Amino acid sequence: MNFSISLTVNGERRTVAFDDPRVTLLDLLRERLHLTGTKKGCDRGQCGACTVLVNGRRMNSCLALALSLDGAEILTIEGLADGDALHPVQAAFIAHDGFQCGFCTPGQIMSAVGLIDEGLADDDPERIREGMSGNLCRCGAYRGIAEAVLEARDALSQETEGTHHETV
């Protein structure tokens, strides 16, 4: 039996056909759309390496069946930057050494973007770590990650305020 779904992935409408209803969003992204920035870590929803944004919300793509996401809007690490201009979260991760080996970094960054967008990145680094607790870093770069989230939150807030003032 063949299945087909349409998704908007990183701003581009894509129609994907597959023959197994058990195909996860992670496998669809990596194997069919060749977006390999989203990493397959545990494949059980425990490490967060596969975190993407689905309709603006953080999701472990290894736990989501692709078939259930027909019509969804997906944002992966490949769609975050604007050409050569890094997203503020990406720039902050570099500035604060929010990564070491880099395997978890795409999921960490996508989770940080979601955390900030959800308004859950307050000034308490412990609460940021709690909000990011679904993303594991075997290298232990948690301090840099929390600092990066705070810096990116502030940068995005300034961008929003600047945009708001321009339109008023």
C-alpha atoms as a PDB file:
ATOM      1  CA  MET A   1       0.000   0.000   0.000  1.00  0.00           C
ATOM      2  CA  ASN A   2       1.318   3.468  -0.860  1.00  0.00           C
ATOM      3  CA  PHE A   3       0.893   6.575   1.258  1.00  0.00           C
ATOM      4  CA  SER A   4       1.462  10.191   0.378  1.00  0.00           C
ATOM      5  CA  ILE A   5       1.623  13.256   2.590  1.00  0.00           C
ATOM      6  CA  SER A   6       2.260  16.924   1.972  1.00  0.00           C
ATOM      7  CA  LEU A   7       4.396  18.909   4.377  1.00  0.00           C
ATOM      8  CA  THR A   8       5.925  22.335   4.413  1.00  0.00           C
ATOM      9  CA  VAL A   9       9.558  21.699   5.311  1.00  0.00           C
ATOM     10  CA  ASN A  10      11.763  24.729   5.947  1.00  0.00           C
ATOM     11  CA  GLY A  11       9.295  26.885   4.029  1.00  0.00           C
ATOM     12  CA  GLU A  12       9.064  24.591   0.991  1.00  0.00           C
ATOM     13  CA  ARG A  13       5.956  22.542   0.232  1.00  0.00           C
ATOM     14  CA  ARG A  14       6.929  18.891  -0.234  1.00  0.00           C
ATOM     15  CA  THR A  15       4.877  15.845  -1.170  1.00  0.00           C
ATOM     16  CA  VAL A  16       6.411  12.568  -0.077  1.00  0.00           C
ATOM     17  CA  ALA A  17       5.296   9.041  -0.944  1.00  0.00           C
ATOM     18  CA  PHE A  18       6.198   5.982   1.093  1.00  0.00           C
ATOM     19  CA  ASP A  19       4.943   2.444   1.468  1.00  0.00           C
ATOM     20  CA  ASP A  20       5.238   1.810   5.214  1.00  0.00           C
ATOM     21  CA  PRO A  21       2.817   3.554   7.595  1.00  0.00           C
ATOM     22  CA  ARG A  22       5.426   3.220  10.380  1.00  0.00           C
ATOM     23  CA  VAL A  23       7.877   5.696   8.799  1.00  0.00           C
ATOM     24  CA  THR A  24       8.820   8.261  11.411  1.00  0.00           C
ATOM     25  CA  LEU A  25       9.271  11.941  10.719  1.00  0.00           C
ATOM     26  CA  LEU A  26      12.979  11.478  11.520  1.00  0.00           C
ATOM     27  CA  ASP A  27      13.426   8.781   8.876  1.00  0.00           C
ATOM     28  CA  LEU A  28      11.377  10.754   6.361  1.00  0.00           C
ATOM     29  CA  LEU A  29      13.579  13.830   6.891  1.00  0.00           C
ATOM     30  CA  ARG A  30      16.884  11.956   6.781  1.00  0.00           C
ATOM     31  CA  GLU A  31      16.252   9.206   4.243  1.00  0.00           C
ATOM     32  CA  ARG A  32      13.677  10.637   1.864  1.00  0.00           C
ATOM     33  CA  LEU A  33      14.315  14.396   2.016  1.00  0.00           C
ATOM     34  CA  HIS A  34      18.075  14.081   2.695  1.00  0.00           C
ATOM     35  CA  LEU A  35      17.957  16.578   5.573  1.00  0.00           C
ATOM     36  CA  THR A  36      20.575  14.882   7.713  1.00  0.00           C
ATOM     37  CA  GLY A  37      21.085  17.696  10.225  1.00  0.00           C
ATOM     38  CA  THR A  38      18.405  16.117  12.385  1.00  0.00           C
ATOM     39  CA  LYS A  39      20.265  13.337  14.180  1.00  0.00           C
ATOM     40  CA  LYS A  40      19.176   9.831  15.080  1.00  0.00           C
ATOM     41  CA  GLY A  41      20.431   9.255  18.604  1.00  0.00           C
ATOM     42  CA  CYS A  42      18.469   6.880  20.771  1.00  0.00           C
ATOM     43  CA  ASP A  43      15.490   6.469  18.392  1.00  0.00           C
ATOM     44  CA  ARG A  44      13.294   6.283  21.533  1.00  0.00           C
ATOM     45  CA  GLY A  45      12.556   9.912  22.391  1.00  0.00           C
ATOM     46  CA  GLN A  46      15.034  10.009  25.251  1.00  0.00           C
ATOM     47  CA  CYS A  47      17.977  12.064  23.936  1.00  0.00           C
ATOM     48  CA  GLY A  48      16.448  14.947  21.929  1.00  0.00           C
ATOM     49  CA  ALA A  49      19.020  14.771  19.108  1.00  0.00           C
ATOM     50  CA  CYS A  50      16.131  14.562  16.636  1.00  0.00           C
ATOM     51  CA  THR A  51      14.233  17.635  17.898  1.00  0.00           C
ATOM     52  CA  VAL A  52      12.513  19.687  15.190  1.00  0.00           C
ATOM     53  CA  LEU A  53       9.687  22.208  15.291  1.00  0.00           C
ATOM     54  CA  VAL A  54       6.312  20.956  14.080  1.00  0.00           C
ATOM     55  CA  ASN A  55       3.737  23.705  13.687  1.00  0.00           C
ATOM     56  CA  GLY A  56       5.955  25.824  15.937  1.00  0.00           C
ATOM     57  CA  ARG A  57       6.220  23.267  18.756  1.00  0.00           C
ATOM     58  CA  ARG A  58       9.205  21.157  19.767  1.00  0.00           C
ATOM     59  CA  MET A  59       8.907  17.512  18.854  1.00  0.00           C
ATOM     60  CA  ASN A  60      11.130  14.454  18.954  1.00  0.00           C
ATOM     61  CA  SER A  61      10.895  13.449  15.319  1.00  0.00           C
ATOM     62  CA  CYS A  62      11.781   9.826  16.119  1.00  0.00           C
ATOM     63  CA  LEU A  63       8.463   9.458  17.959  1.00  0.00           C
ATOM     64  CA  ALA A  64       6.210  11.066  15.352  1.00  0.00           C
ATOM     65  CA  LEU A  65       4.718   8.984  12.574  1.00  0.00           C
ATOM     66  CA  ALA A  66       5.078  10.872   9.310  1.00  0.00           C
ATOM     67  CA  LEU A  67       1.600   9.791   8.219  1.00  0.00           C
ATOM     68  CA  SER A  68       0.059  11.695  11.148  1.00  0.00           C
ATOM     69  CA  LEU A  69       1.680  14.969  10.060  1.00  0.00           C
ATOM     70  CA  ASP A  70       0.002  15.507   6.700  1.00  0.00           C
ATOM     71  CA  GLY A  71      -0.264  19.264   6.183  1.00  0.00           C
ATOM     72  CA  ALA A  72       2.147  20.127   9.005  1.00  0.00           C
ATOM     73  CA  GLU A  73       4.809  22.807   8.920  1.00  0.00           C
ATOM     74  CA  ILE A  74       8.240  21.429   9.836  1.00  0.00           C
ATOM     75  CA  LEU A  75      11.330  23.465  10.681  1.00  0.00           C
ATOM     76  CA  THR A  76      14.663  21.652  10.848  1.00  0.00           C
ATOM     77  CA  ILE A  77      18.163  22.905  11.594  1.00  0.00           C
ATOM     78  CA  GLU A  78      18.731  23.327   7.838  1.00  0.00           C
ATOM     79  CA  GLY A  79      15.930  25.887   7.648  1.00  0.00           C
ATOM     80  CA  LEU A  80      16.975  28.014  10.614  1.00  0.00           C
ATOM     81  CA  ALA A  81      19.639  30.301   9.136  1.00  0.00           C
ATOM     82  CA  ASP A  82      18.751  33.019   6.648  1.00  0.00           C
ATOM     83  CA  GLY A  83      21.255  32.312   3.890  1.00  0.00           C
ATOM     84  CA  ASP A  84      24.697  32.975   5.382  1.00  0.00           C
ATOM     85  CA  ALA A  85      23.226  34.833   8.372  1.00  0.00           C
ATOM     86  CA  LEU A  86      22.985  32.522  11.366  1.00  0.00           C
ATOM     87  CA  HIS A  87      19.872  32.473  13.496  1.00  0.00           C
ATOM     88  CA  PRO A  88      20.544  34.208  16.864  1.00  0.00           C
ATOM     89  CA  VAL A  89      20.407  30.840  18.656  1.00  0.00           C
ATOM     90  CA  GLN A  90      23.031  29.387  16.321  1.00  0.00           C
ATOM     91  CA  ALA A  91      25.277  32.435  16.798  1.00  0.00           C
ATOM     92  CA  ALA A  92      24.851  32.281  20.584  1.00  0.00           C
ATOM     93  CA  PHE A  93      25.766  28.579  20.673  1.00  0.00           C
ATOM     94  CA  ILE A  94      29.026  29.428  18.909  1.00  0.00           C
ATOM     95  CA  ALA A  95      29.722  32.433  21.158  1.00  0.00           C
ATOM     96  CA  HIS A  96      29.149  30.439  24.364  1.00  0.00           C
ATOM     97  CA  ASP A  97      30.691  27.111  23.347  1.00  0.00           C
ATOM     98  CA  GLY A  98      27.297  25.463  23.624  1.00  0.00           C
ATOM     99  CA  PHE A  99      28.618  22.333  21.970  1.00  0.00           C
ATOM    100  CA  GLN A 100      31.656  20.097  21.959  1.00  0.00           C
ATOM    101  CA  CYS A 101      31.348  17.021  19.755  1.00  0.00           C
ATOM    102  CA  GLY A 102      28.333  18.570  18.008  1.00  0.00           C
ATOM    103  CA  PHE A 103      26.151  15.483  17.681  1.00  0.00           C
ATOM    104  CA  CYS A 104      23.370  16.815  19.905  1.00  0.00           C
ATOM    105  CA  THR A 105      23.753  20.418  18.718  1.00  0.00           C
ATOM    106  CA  PRO A 106      21.034  20.499  16.011  1.00  0.00           C
ATOM    107  CA  GLY A 107      18.461  19.112  18.457  1.00  0.00           C
ATOM    108  CA  GLN A 108      19.684  21.420  21.224  1.00  0.00           C
ATOM    109  CA  ILE A 109      19.416  24.454  18.944  1.00  0.00           C
ATOM    110  CA  MET A 110      15.943  23.533  17.717  1.00  0.00           C
ATOM    111  CA  SER A 111      14.800  22.921  21.278  1.00  0.00           C
ATOM    112  CA  ALA A 112      16.257  26.287  22.343  1.00  0.00           C
ATOM    113  CA  VAL A 113      14.395  28.047  19.521  1.00  0.00           C
ATOM    114  CA  GLY A 114      11.173  26.367  20.657  1.00  0.00           C
ATOM    115  CA  LEU A 115      11.820  27.184  24.329  1.00  0.00           C
ATOM    116  CA  ILE A 116      12.335  30.860  23.497  1.00  0.00           C
ATOM    117  CA  ASP A 117       9.309  30.980  21.177  1.00  0.00           C
ATOM    118  CA  GLU A 118       7.184  29.363  23.896  1.00  0.00           C
ATOM    119  CA  GLY A 119       8.234  32.135  26.319  1.00  0.00           C
ATOM    120  CA  LEU A 120       9.824  29.643  28.708  1.00  0.00           C
ATOM    121  CA  ALA A 121      13.381  31.031  28.674  1.00  0.00           C
ATOM    122  CA  ASP A 122      13.474  33.195  31.785  1.00  0.00           C
ATOM    123  CA  ASP A 123      16.529  34.535  33.640  1.00  0.00           C
ATOM    124  CA  ASP A 124      17.010  31.455  35.814  1.00  0.00           C
ATOM    125  CA  PRO A 125      19.602  29.120  34.229  1.00  0.00           C
ATOM    126  CA  GLU A 126      18.168  26.217  36.253  1.00  0.00           C
ATOM    127  CA  ARG A 127      14.754  26.727  34.670  1.00  0.00           C
ATOM    128  CA  ILE A 128      16.340  26.905  31.244  1.00  0.00           C
ATOM    129  CA  ARG A 129      18.125  23.618  31.938  1.00  0.00           C
ATOM    130  CA  GLU A 130      14.789  22.183  33.060  1.00  0.00           C
ATOM    131  CA  GLY A 131      13.126  23.423  29.870  1.00  0.00           C
ATOM    132  CA  MET A 132      15.911  21.848  27.827  1.00  0.00           C
ATOM    133  CA  SER A 133      15.971  18.631  29.882  1.00  0.00           C
ATOM    134  CA  GLY A 134      14.689  16.532  26.990  1.00  0.00           C
ATOM    135  CA  ASN A 135      17.957  17.201  25.162  1.00  0.00           C
ATOM    136  CA  LEU A 136      20.994  15.331  26.413  1.00  0.00           C
ATOM    137  CA  CYS A 137      24.613  16.340  25.837  1.00  0.00           C
ATOM    138  CA  ARG A 138      27.111  13.566  26.479  1.00  0.00           C
ATOM    139  CA  CYS A 139      29.939  16.126  26.515  1.00  0.00           C
ATOM    140  CA  GLY A 140      28.327  18.170  29.301  1.00  0.00           C
ATOM    141  CA  ALA A 141      28.121  21.563  27.565  1.00  0.00           C
ATOM    142  CA  TYR A 142      25.056  22.503  29.620  1.00  0.00           C
ATOM    143  CA  ARG A 143      26.459  25.753  31.044  1.00  0.00           C
ATOM    144  CA  GLY A 144      27.274  27.086  27.569  1.00  0.00           C
ATOM    145  CA  ILE A 145      23.884  25.959  26.300  1.00  0.00           C
ATOM    146  CA  ALA A 146      22.036  27.825  29.079  1.00  0.00           C
ATOM    147  CA  GLU A 147      24.148  30.954  28.465  1.00  0.00           C
ATOM    148  CA  ALA A 148      23.449  30.694  24.733  1.00  0.00           C
ATOM    149  CA  VAL A 149      19.693  30.431  25.315  1.00  0.00           C
ATOM    150  CA  LEU A 150      19.750  33.584  27.470  1.00  0.00           C
ATOM    151  CA  GLU A 151      21.790  35.545  24.929  1.00  0.00           C
ATOM    152  CA  ALA A 152      19.641  34.412  22.012  1.00  0.00           C
ATOM    153  CA  ARG A 153      16.449  35.213  23.912  1.00  0.00           C
ATOM    154  CA  ASP A 154      17.708  38.742  24.526  1.00  0.00           C
ATOM    155  CA  ALA A 155      18.839  39.168  20.902  1.00  0.00           C
ATOM    156  CA  LEU A 156      15.492  37.951  19.579  1.00  0.00           C
ATOM    157  CA  SER A 157      13.653  40.203  22.019  1.00  0.00           C
ATOM    158  CA  GLN A 158      15.633  43.218  20.764  1.00  0.00           C
ATOM    159  CA  GLU A 159      14.894  42.245  17.152  1.00  0.00           C
ATOM    160  CA  THR A 160      11.182  42.032  17.963  1.00  0.00           C
ATOM    161  CA  GLU A 161      11.217  45.368  19.793  1.00  0.00           C
ATOM    162  CA  GLY A 162      13.076  46.990  16.891  1.00  0.00           C
ATOM    163  CA  THR A 163      10.553  45.630  14.415  1.00  0.00           C
ATOM    164  CA  HIS A 164       7.665  46.735  16.638  1.00  0.00           C
ATOM    165  CA  HIS A 165       9.005  50.283  16.941  1.00  0.00           C
ATOM    166  CA  GLU A 166       9.499  50.555  13.200  1.00  0.00           C
ATOM    167  CA  THR A 167       5.852  49.706  12.482  1.00  0.00           C
ATOM    168  CA  VAL A 168       4.347  51.984  15.144  1.00  0.00           C
END
